[in-house]
C-alpha atoms as a PDB file:
ATOM      1  CA  MET A   1     241.785-143.188 121.815  1.00  0.00           C
ATOM      2  CA  ILE A   2     239.029-143.240 125.338  1.00  0.00           C
ATOM      3  CA  GLU A   3     236.938-140.135 125.338  1.00  0.00           C
ATOM      4  CA  VAL A   4     235.989-138.774 128.985  1.00  0.00           C
ATOM      5  CA  GLU A   5     233.139-136.266 129.184  1.00  0.00           C
ATOM      6  CA  LEU A   6     231.862-134.399 132.480  1.00  0.00           C
ATOM      7  CA  ILE A   7     228.461-133.201 132.557  1.00  0.00           C
ATOM      8  CA  ALA A   8     226.288-130.896 133.834  1.00  0.00           C
ATOM      9  CA  GLY A   9     229.068-128.981 135.936  1.00  0.00           C
ATOM     10  CA  LEU A  10     230.988-132.294 137.337  1.00  0.00           C
ATOM     11  CA  GLU A  11     234.549-130.411 136.544  1.00  0.00           C
ATOM     12  CA  ASP A  12     233.290-127.601 139.461  1.00  0.00           C
ATOM     13  CA  VAL A  13     233.878-130.625 142.183  1.00  0.00           C
ATOM     14  CA  LEU A  14     237.241-131.084 140.925  1.00  0.00           C
ATOM     15  CA  ASN A  15     240.581-129.828 143.359  1.00  0.00           C
ATOM     16  CA  PRO A  16     242.181-127.034 140.602  1.00  0.00           C
ATOM     17  CA  ARG A  17     245.079-128.017 142.505  1.00  0.00           C
ATOM     18  CA  GLU A  18     244.136-131.678 141.440  1.00  0.00           C
ATOM     19  CA  ARG A  19     243.265-131.014 137.849  1.00  0.00           C
ATOM     20  CA  ARG A  20     246.244-132.626 135.738  1.00  0.00           C
ATOM     21  CA  PRO A  21     246.748-130.931 132.184  1.00  0.00           C
ATOM     22  CA  THR A  22     245.241-133.906 130.036  1.00  0.00           C
ATOM     23  CA  PRO A  23     244.840-137.206 131.812  1.00  0.00           C
ATOM     24  CA  GLU A  24     245.694-140.295 129.795  1.00  0.00           C
ATOM     25  CA  TYR A  25     242.922-142.901 129.957  1.00  0.00           C
ATOM     26  CA  ARG A  26     243.919-146.675 128.519  1.00  0.00           C
ATOM     27  CA  PRO A  27     242.516-149.620 127.599  1.00  0.00           C
ATOM     28  CA  GLY A  28     241.809-152.071 130.131  1.00  0.00           C
ATOM     29  CA  MET A  29     240.718-149.113 132.597  1.00  0.00           C
ATOM     30  CA  THR A  30     237.660-149.054 134.711  1.00  0.00           C
ATOM     31  CA  VAL A  31     235.187-146.392 135.261  1.00  0.00           C
ATOM     32  CA  ARG A  32     236.338-146.434 138.914  1.00  0.00           C
ATOM     33  CA  ASP A  33     239.858-146.100 137.651  1.00  0.00           C
ATOM     34  CA  VAL A  34     239.191-142.780 135.598  1.00  0.00           C
ATOM     35  CA  LEU A  35     236.964-141.495 138.802  1.00  0.00           C
ATOM     36  CA  GLU A  36     240.383-141.608 140.439  1.00  0.00           C
ATOM     37  CA  GLU A  37     242.719-140.536 137.922  1.00  0.00           C
ATOM     38  CA  LEU A  38     240.627-137.348 138.339  1.00  0.00           C
ATOM     39  CA  ALA A  39     240.045-137.427 142.322  1.00  0.00           C
ATOM     40  CA  ILE A  40     236.617-137.299 142.282  1.00  0.00           C
ATOM     41  CA  ASP A  41     234.493-139.089 145.055  1.00  0.00           C
ATOM     42  CA  ARG A  42     232.293-141.589 144.050  1.00  0.00           C
ATOM     43  CA  LYS A  43     229.352-139.931 145.588  1.00  0.00           C
ATOM     44  CA  SER A  44     229.698-137.313 143.295  1.00  0.00           C
ATOM     45  CA  ILE A  45     228.659-139.174 140.527  1.00  0.00           C
ATOM     46  CA  VAL A  46     224.600-140.634 140.149  1.00  0.00           C
ATOM     47  CA  VAL A  47     225.565-142.572 136.429  1.00  0.00           C
ATOM     48  CA  ALA A  48     228.225-143.035 134.584  1.00  0.00           C
ATOM     49  CA  LEU A  49     227.854-144.113 130.949  1.00  0.00           C
ATOM     50  CA  VAL A  50     230.229-145.697 128.776  1.00  0.00           C
ATOM     51  CA  ASN A  51     228.751-145.044 124.720  1.00  0.00           C
ATOM     52  CA  GLY A  52     225.544-144.581 126.093  1.00  0.00           C
ATOM     53  CA  ARG A  53     224.677-147.344 128.025  1.00  0.00           C
ATOM     54  CA  VAL A  54     224.709-147.520 131.811  1.00  0.00           C
ATOM     55  CA  ALA A  55     228.117-148.690 133.224  1.00  0.00           C
ATOM     56  CA  THR A  56     229.102-149.494 136.783  1.00  0.00           C
ATOM     57  CA  LEU A  57     232.677-148.627 138.274  1.00  0.00           C
ATOM     58  CA  ASP A  58     234.158-152.323 137.445  1.00  0.00           C
ATOM     59  CA  SER A  59     233.222-151.428 133.804  1.00  0.00           C
ATOM     60  CA  GLU A  60     236.331-152.405 131.622  1.00  0.00           C
ATOM     61  CA  LEU A  61     236.536-149.729 128.933  1.00  0.00           C
ATOM     62  CA  ALA A  62     238.230-150.421 125.527  1.00  0.00           C
ATOM     63  CA  ASP A  63     240.152-147.752 122.915  1.00  0.00           C
ATOM     64  CA  GLY A  64     237.273-146.011 121.357  1.00  0.00           C
ATOM     65  CA  ASP A  65     234.946-145.755 124.107  1.00  0.00           C
ATOM     66  CA  ARG A  66     233.240-142.654 125.310  1.00  0.00           C
ATOM     67  CA  VAL A  67     232.496-141.706 129.008  1.00  0.00           C
ATOM     68  CA  ARG A  68     230.406-139.585 130.195  1.00  0.00           C
ATOM     69  CA  LEU A  69     230.565-138.995 134.264  1.00  0.00           C
ATOM     70  CA  ILE A  70     227.229-137.144 135.831  1.00  0.00           C
ATOM     71  CA  PRO A  71     226.636-135.453 138.968  1.00  0.00           C
ATOM     72  CA  PRO A  72     223.310-135.922 141.028  1.00  0.00           C
ATOM     73  CA  LEU A  73     221.217-133.000 139.120  1.00  0.00           C
ATOM     74  CA  GLY A  74     218.350-131.000 141.234  1.00  0.00           C
ATOM     75  CA  GLY A  75     215.372-128.946 139.708  1.00  0.00           C
ATOM     76  CA  GLY A  76     211.959-128.433 140.331  1.00  0.00           C
END
């Protein structure tokens, strides 16, 4: 099983009509595939982590991976 976590309110950028109850993430998918599955624009993500390490959009996922998608964060 591949787990995907949306960080810091990223779920708020999802279009409610495009949300799927439980997308199925399969080994062999890439981070790009996950973004497409969730209908998240690449510009909404500043970093993707796979198992705590920075990943590229072409990083291939394996069973047991944990993906975290992080949007731009503001603060001061």
